[in-house]
Amino acid sequence: MKRMLPTAAALFLLPLAARAESELSLTLQGGAVKYDQALAAPSDLGAQYGLRLGIMPTPVIGAEIGYLGSQSNVRDVVNNSNTTRFISNGAYADARVNVLPGNVMPYIFGGFGVTNFKVDNEVINSDGGLHGRTVATIPFGGGVDFNLGAFKLGGRFQYNYLLTDQLFRSAPNSAGFTTGNNTNFYGVNVDVGVSFH
């Protein structure tokens, strides 16, 4: 009986092991980006673009590293600037879980990143308004991949929580102090990629 249990377990796991195969993928993404909270009203819908490398040692769990950039027009209401271009360039790494591995593959992800924000015509001598800086981010979201042989098509939603409130500061109060305001950004992208097994 003791010998039969390992044999039965091996027979059960053998088909799963045969199906398990690693995958390396390279994906281009492009779409739209929007800021929320303090910059929800002053910001327009912007452009987002990126490139990511996916490593899936199993069909279900893997990791991604990527670059994500964006450009948006934001009205700096504190400094009366209506044509401020807000530019971001960042890198991130995340863990990915494929909910239903197969030709149509929904997935979720979450990780950690670093993003540099640049204000195209920043008012340097102002404590309030928009300010460029490099901040830590927590990216998370989900998407779906359509596997077409060695090619991939898909869509992805990514929310980027910023670990700072210093990108946009309020106008100085009567005592001359400014306060930080929370803002994050999110994007919806179309993905095109290739995979290697």
C-alpha atoms as a PDB file:
ATOM      1  CA  MET A   1       0.000   0.000   0.000  1.00  0.00           C
ATOM      2  CA  LYS A   2       2.836   2.414   0.896  1.00  0.00           C
ATOM      3  CA  ARG A   3       4.450   1.804  -2.491  1.00  0.00           C
ATOM      4  CA  MET A   4       1.187   2.375  -4.333  1.00  0.00           C
ATOM      5  CA  LEU A   5       0.708   5.922  -2.982  1.00  0.00           C
ATOM      6  CA  PRO A   6       3.917   7.395  -4.506  1.00  0.00           C
ATOM      7  CA  THR A   7       3.163   5.565  -7.761  1.00  0.00           C
ATOM      8  CA  ALA A   8      -0.374   6.939  -7.863  1.00  0.00           C
ATOM      9  CA  ALA A   9       0.892  10.444  -7.070  1.00  0.00           C
ATOM     10  CA  ALA A  10       3.495  10.204  -9.832  1.00  0.00           C
ATOM     11  CA  LEU A  11       0.876   9.051 -12.343  1.00  0.00           C
ATOM     12  CA  PHE A  12      -1.337  11.976 -11.328  1.00  0.00           C
ATOM     13  CA  LEU A  13       1.436  14.591 -11.545  1.00  0.00           C
ATOM     14  CA  LEU A  14       3.052  13.305 -14.740  1.00  0.00           C
ATOM     15  CA  PRO A  15       0.478  14.857 -17.115  1.00  0.00           C
ATOM     16  CA  LEU A  16       0.747  18.178 -15.251  1.00  0.00           C
ATOM     17  CA  ALA A  17       4.524  18.120 -15.495  1.00  0.00           C
ATOM     18  CA  ALA A  18       4.321  17.309 -19.199  1.00  0.00           C
ATOM     19  CA  ARG A  19       2.059  20.305 -19.767  1.00  0.00           C
ATOM     20  CA  ALA A  20       4.220  22.670 -17.730  1.00  0.00           C
ATOM     21  CA  GLU A  21       6.581  24.603 -19.973  1.00  0.00           C
ATOM     22  CA  SER A  22       8.467  27.793 -19.422  1.00  0.00           C
ATOM     23  CA  GLU A  23       7.884  30.894 -21.539  1.00  0.00           C
ATOM     24  CA  LEU A  24       9.876  34.022 -22.271  1.00  0.00           C
ATOM     25  CA  SER A  25       7.934  36.905 -23.840  1.00  0.00           C
ATOM     26  CA  LEU A  26       8.680  40.416 -25.074  1.00  0.00           C
ATOM     27  CA  THR A  27       5.739  42.821 -25.303  1.00  0.00           C
ATOM     28  CA  LEU A  28       5.258  46.346 -26.660  1.00  0.00           C
ATOM     29  CA  GLN A  29       2.389  48.338 -25.189  1.00  0.00           C
ATOM     30  CA  GLY A  30       0.689  51.596 -26.028  1.00  0.00           C
ATOM     31  CA  GLY A  31      -2.459  53.354 -24.899  1.00  0.00           C
ATOM     32  CA  ALA A  32      -3.923  56.099 -22.749  1.00  0.00           C
ATOM     33  CA  VAL A  33      -3.021  57.415 -19.284  1.00  0.00           C
ATOM     34  CA  LYS A  34      -4.861  59.577 -16.722  1.00  0.00           C
ATOM     35  CA  TYR A  35      -4.014  61.055 -13.330  1.00  0.00           C
ATOM     36  CA  ASP A  36      -6.477  60.958 -10.434  1.00  0.00           C
ATOM     37  CA  GLN A  37      -7.138  62.673  -7.099  1.00  0.00           C
ATOM     38  CA  ALA A  38      -5.428  66.106  -6.968  1.00  0.00           C
ATOM     39  CA  LEU A  39      -4.621  66.062 -10.720  1.00  0.00           C
ATOM     40  CA  ALA A  40      -7.880  64.497 -11.916  1.00  0.00           C
ATOM     41  CA  ALA A  41      -9.436  67.781 -13.070  1.00  0.00           C
ATOM     42  CA  PRO A  42      -6.280  69.643 -14.205  1.00  0.00           C
ATOM     43  CA  SER A  43      -4.942  66.728 -16.312  1.00  0.00           C
ATOM     44  CA  ASP A  44      -5.944  65.692 -19.821  1.00  0.00           C
ATOM     45  CA  LEU A  45      -5.980  62.161 -21.172  1.00  0.00           C
ATOM     46  CA  GLY A  46      -2.389  61.431 -22.171  1.00  0.00           C
ATOM     47  CA  ALA A  47      -0.336  58.848 -24.056  1.00  0.00           C
ATOM     48  CA  GLN A  48       1.322  55.861 -22.419  1.00  0.00           C
ATOM     49  CA  TYR A  49       3.907  53.477 -23.889  1.00  0.00           C
ATOM     50  CA  GLY A  50       6.119  50.709 -22.640  1.00  0.00           C
ATOM     51  CA  LEU A  51       8.087  47.521 -23.112  1.00  0.00           C
ATOM     52  CA  ARG A  52       8.170  44.520 -20.804  1.00  0.00           C
ATOM     53  CA  LEU A  53       9.896  41.174 -20.526  1.00  0.00           C
ATOM     54  CA  GLY A  54       7.897  38.289 -19.098  1.00  0.00           C
ATOM     55  CA  ILE A  55       9.380  35.142 -17.594  1.00  0.00           C
ATOM     56  CA  MET A  56       6.937  32.314 -16.860  1.00  0.00           C
ATOM     57  CA  PRO A  57       8.712  29.241 -15.422  1.00  0.00           C
ATOM     58  CA  THR A  58       5.267  27.629 -15.056  1.00  0.00           C
ATOM     59  CA  PRO A  59       2.008  28.252 -16.942  1.00  0.00           C
ATOM     60  CA  VAL A  60       0.498  29.941 -13.863  1.00  0.00           C
ATOM     61  CA  ILE A  61       3.103  31.980 -11.971  1.00  0.00           C
ATOM     62  CA  GLY A  62       5.873  34.193 -13.315  1.00  0.00           C
ATOM     63  CA  ALA A  63       7.521  37.596 -13.223  1.00  0.00           C
ATOM     64  CA  GLU A  64       7.754  40.684 -15.412  1.00  0.00           C
ATOM     65  CA  ILE A  65      10.208  43.555 -15.665  1.00  0.00           C
ATOM     66  CA  GLY A  66       9.413  46.564 -17.766  1.00  0.00           C
ATOM     67  CA  TYR A  67       9.700  50.182 -18.797  1.00  0.00           C
ATOM     68  CA  LEU A  68       6.647  52.454 -18.684  1.00  0.00           C
ATOM     69  CA  GLY A  69       6.550  56.033 -19.965  1.00  0.00           C
ATOM     70  CA  SER A  70       3.833  58.628 -20.432  1.00  0.00           C
ATOM     71  CA  GLN A  71       3.139  62.208 -21.465  1.00  0.00           C
ATOM     72  CA  SER A  72       0.166  64.307 -20.389  1.00  0.00           C
ATOM     73  CA  ASN A  73      -0.887  67.939 -20.527  1.00  0.00           C
ATOM     74  CA  VAL A  74      -1.567  69.241 -17.022  1.00  0.00           C
ATOM     75  CA  ARG A  75      -2.763  72.690 -16.048  1.00  0.00           C
ATOM     76  CA  ASP A  76      -0.592  74.030 -13.216  1.00  0.00           C
ATOM     77  CA  VAL A  77      -3.389  76.028 -11.590  1.00  0.00           C
ATOM     78  CA  VAL A  78      -1.112  77.297  -8.798  1.00  0.00           C
ATOM     79  CA  ASN A  79       1.333  78.971 -11.197  1.00  0.00           C
ATOM     80  CA  ASN A  80      -1.258  79.901 -13.855  1.00  0.00           C
ATOM     81  CA  SER A  81       0.360  77.670 -16.491  1.00  0.00           C
ATOM     82  CA  ASN A  82      -2.040  76.103 -18.979  1.00  0.00           C
ATOM     83  CA  THR A  83       0.445  74.234 -21.163  1.00  0.00           C
ATOM     84  CA  THR A  84       2.517  72.150 -18.769  1.00  0.00           C
ATOM     85  CA  ARG A  85       3.681  68.812 -20.175  1.00  0.00           C
ATOM     86  CA  PHE A  86       4.033  66.148 -17.473  1.00  0.00           C
ATOM     87  CA  ILE A  87       6.434  63.389 -18.546  1.00  0.00           C
ATOM     88  CA  SER A  88       7.093  60.117 -16.730  1.00  0.00           C
ATOM     89  CA  ASN A  89       9.724  57.426 -17.286  1.00  0.00           C
ATOM     90  CA  GLY A  90       9.836  54.431 -15.000  1.00  0.00           C
ATOM     91  CA  ALA A  91      10.947  50.869 -14.455  1.00  0.00           C
ATOM     92  CA  TYR A  92       9.109  48.166 -12.522  1.00  0.00           C
ATOM     93  CA  ALA A  93       9.135  44.496 -11.609  1.00  0.00           C
ATOM     94  CA  ASP A  94       6.070  42.471 -10.727  1.00  0.00           C
ATOM     95  CA  ALA A  95       4.778  39.010  -9.973  1.00  0.00           C
ATOM     96  CA  ARG A  96       2.173  37.719 -12.423  1.00  0.00           C
ATOM     97  CA  VAL A  97      -0.495  35.060 -11.970  1.00  0.00           C
ATOM     98  CA  ASN A  98      -2.304  33.639 -15.004  1.00  0.00           C
ATOM     99  CA  VAL A  99      -5.855  32.944 -13.874  1.00  0.00           C
ATOM    100  CA  LEU A 100      -6.685  30.569 -16.741  1.00  0.00           C
ATOM    101  CA  PRO A 101      -3.605  29.414 -18.665  1.00  0.00           C
ATOM    102  CA  GLY A 102      -4.398  28.729 -22.308  1.00  0.00           C
ATOM    103  CA  ASN A 103      -4.863  30.477 -25.637  1.00  0.00           C
ATOM    104  CA  VAL A 104      -7.045  33.110 -23.953  1.00  0.00           C
ATOM    105  CA  MET A 105      -5.232  34.021 -20.745  1.00  0.00           C
ATOM    106  CA  PRO A 106      -6.589  36.492 -18.163  1.00  0.00           C
ATOM    107  CA  TYR A 107      -4.036  37.492 -15.528  1.00  0.00           C
ATOM    108  CA  ILE A 108      -3.375  39.715 -12.534  1.00  0.00           C
ATOM    109  CA  PHE A 109      -0.115  41.286 -11.352  1.00  0.00           C
ATOM    110  CA  GLY A 110       1.442  43.430  -8.654  1.00  0.00           C
ATOM    111  CA  GLY A 111       4.914  44.678  -7.868  1.00  0.00           C
ATOM    112  CA  PHE A 112       7.225  47.613  -7.188  1.00  0.00           C
ATOM    113  CA  GLY A 113       8.722  50.324  -9.365  1.00  0.00           C
ATOM    114  CA  VAL A 114      10.544  53.647  -9.585  1.00  0.00           C
ATOM    115  CA  THR A 115       9.313  56.500 -11.791  1.00  0.00           C
ATOM    116  CA  ASN A 116      10.905  59.827 -12.695  1.00  0.00           C
ATOM    117  CA  PHE A 117       8.504  62.708 -13.321  1.00  0.00           C
ATOM    118  CA  LYS A 118       9.553  65.770 -15.290  1.00  0.00           C
ATOM    119  CA  VAL A 119       7.630  69.016 -15.683  1.00  0.00           C
ATOM    120  CA  ASP A 120       8.367  70.469 -19.123  1.00  0.00           C
ATOM    121  CA  ASN A 121       8.289  74.105 -17.984  1.00  0.00           C
ATOM    122  CA  GLU A 122       8.540  73.797 -14.211  1.00  0.00           C
ATOM    123  CA  VAL A 123       8.388  77.023 -12.200  1.00  0.00           C
ATOM    124  CA  ILE A 124      11.542  76.399 -10.186  1.00  0.00           C
ATOM    125  CA  ASN A 125      11.161  79.344  -7.787  1.00  0.00           C
ATOM    126  CA  SER A 126       7.658  78.313  -6.702  1.00  0.00           C
ATOM    127  CA  ASP A 127       7.022  76.042  -3.721  1.00  0.00           C
ATOM    128  CA  GLY A 128       3.517  75.292  -4.988  1.00  0.00           C
ATOM    129  CA  GLY A 129       2.363  73.662  -8.220  1.00  0.00           C
ATOM    130  CA  LEU A 130       3.886  70.792 -10.159  1.00  0.00           C
ATOM    131  CA  HIS A 131       7.367  69.563  -9.361  1.00  0.00           C
ATOM    132  CA  GLY A 132       9.449  66.888 -11.026  1.00  0.00           C
ATOM    133  CA  ARG A 133      11.068  64.197  -8.910  1.00  0.00           C
ATOM    134  CA  THR A 134      11.833  60.471  -8.763  1.00  0.00           C
ATOM    135  CA  VAL A 135       9.426  58.422  -6.634  1.00  0.00           C
ATOM    136  CA  ALA A 136       8.696  54.825  -5.712  1.00  0.00           C
ATOM    137  CA  THR A 137       5.529  53.267  -7.118  1.00  0.00           C
ATOM    138  CA  ILE A 138       3.366  50.229  -6.516  1.00  0.00           C
ATOM    139  CA  PRO A 139       2.021  49.003  -9.884  1.00  0.00           C
ATOM    140  CA  PHE A 140      -0.856  46.509 -10.002  1.00  0.00           C
ATOM    141  CA  GLY A 141      -3.688  45.514 -12.300  1.00  0.00           C
ATOM    142  CA  GLY A 142      -4.785  42.887 -14.750  1.00  0.00           C
ATOM    143  CA  GLY A 143      -5.168  42.031 -18.377  1.00  0.00           C
ATOM    144  CA  VAL A 144      -5.789  39.364 -20.951  1.00  0.00           C
ATOM    145  CA  ASP A 145      -3.464  37.792 -23.505  1.00  0.00           C
ATOM    146  CA  PHE A 146      -4.512  36.062 -26.707  1.00  0.00           C
ATOM    147  CA  ASN A 147      -1.801  33.553 -27.640  1.00  0.00           C
ATOM    148  CA  LEU A 148      -1.574  33.156 -31.412  1.00  0.00           C
ATOM    149  CA  GLY A 149       1.252  30.697 -31.909  1.00  0.00           C
ATOM    150  CA  ALA A 150       4.482  32.578 -31.214  1.00  0.00           C
ATOM    151  CA  PHE A 151       2.643  35.934 -31.134  1.00  0.00           C
ATOM    152  CA  LYS A 152       0.612  37.643 -28.438  1.00  0.00           C
ATOM    153  CA  LEU A 153      -2.151  40.235 -28.592  1.00  0.00           C
ATOM    154  CA  GLY A 154      -3.811  41.615 -25.521  1.00  0.00           C
ATOM    155  CA  GLY A 155      -5.028  44.399 -23.324  1.00  0.00           C
ATOM    156  CA  ARG A 156      -3.810  45.579 -19.919  1.00  0.00           C
ATOM    157  CA  PHE A 157      -4.981  47.895 -17.145  1.00  0.00           C
ATOM    158  CA  GLN A 158      -2.263  49.165 -14.802  1.00  0.00           C
ATOM    159  CA  TYR A 159      -2.746  51.378 -11.762  1.00  0.00           C
ATOM    160  CA  ASN A 160       0.355  53.048 -10.337  1.00  0.00           C
ATOM    161  CA  TYR A 161       0.149  54.089  -6.694  1.00  0.00           C
ATOM    162  CA  LEU A 162       2.745  56.777  -5.943  1.00  0.00           C
ATOM    163  CA  LEU A 163       4.549  56.711  -2.602  1.00  0.00           C
ATOM    164  CA  THR A 164       4.718  60.510  -2.375  1.00  0.00           C
ATOM    165  CA  ASP A 165       2.442  63.540  -2.138  1.00  0.00           C
ATOM    166  CA  GLN A 166       5.042  66.010  -3.395  1.00  0.00           C
ATOM    167  CA  LEU A 167       4.407  66.041  -7.165  1.00  0.00           C
ATOM    168  CA  PHE A 168       1.687  68.649  -6.784  1.00  0.00           C
ATOM    169  CA  ARG A 169       1.757  71.135  -3.927  1.00  0.00           C
ATOM    170  CA  SER A 170      -0.925  73.651  -3.037  1.00  0.00           C
ATOM    171  CA  ALA A 171      -0.470  77.419  -3.185  1.00  0.00           C
ATOM    172  CA  PRO A 172       1.233  78.923  -0.117  1.00  0.00           C
ATOM    173  CA  ASN A 173      -1.176  79.764   2.697  1.00  0.00           C
ATOM    174  CA  SER A 174      -1.152  82.981   4.719  1.00  0.00           C
ATOM    175  CA  ALA A 175       1.838  81.719   6.693  1.00  0.00           C
ATOM    176  CA  GLY A 176       3.745  80.933   3.508  1.00  0.00           C
ATOM    177  CA  PHE A 177       3.507  77.143   3.794  1.00  0.00           C
ATOM    178  CA  THR A 178       2.464  74.711   1.053  1.00  0.00           C
ATOM    179  CA  THR A 179       1.054  71.216   1.456  1.00  0.00           C
ATOM    180  CA  GLY A 180       1.435  68.106  -0.644  1.00  0.00           C
ATOM    181  CA  ASN A 181      -1.451  66.516  -2.504  1.00  0.00           C
ATOM    182  CA  ASN A 182      -1.910  62.853  -3.368  1.00  0.00           C
ATOM    183  CA  THR A 183      -2.131  61.809  -6.987  1.00  0.00           C
ATOM    184  CA  ASN A 184      -1.653  58.516  -8.824  1.00  0.00           C
ATOM    185  CA  PHE A 185      -1.993  57.479 -12.454  1.00  0.00           C
ATOM    186  CA  TYR A 186      -3.505  54.616 -14.400  1.00  0.00           C
ATOM    187  CA  GLY A 187      -3.470  53.448 -17.994  1.00  0.00           C
ATOM    188  CA  VAL A 188      -5.200  51.150 -20.450  1.00  0.00           C
ATOM    189  CA  ASN A 189      -2.953  49.657 -23.120  1.00  0.00           C
ATOM    190  CA  VAL A 190      -3.013  47.431 -26.181  1.00  0.00           C
ATOM    191  CA  ASP A 191      -0.235  44.820 -26.149  1.00  0.00           C
ATOM    192  CA  VAL A 192       1.617  43.217 -29.056  1.00  0.00           C
ATOM    193  CA  GLY A 193       4.356  40.698 -28.353  1.00  0.00           C
ATOM    194  CA  VAL A 194       6.243  37.519 -29.147  1.00  0.00           C
ATOM    195  CA  SER A 195       6.880  34.488 -26.970  1.00  0.00           C
ATOM    196  CA  PHE A 196       9.634  31.889 -26.882  1.00  0.00           C
ATOM    197  CA  HIS A 197       9.228  28.417 -25.373  1.00  0.00           C
END
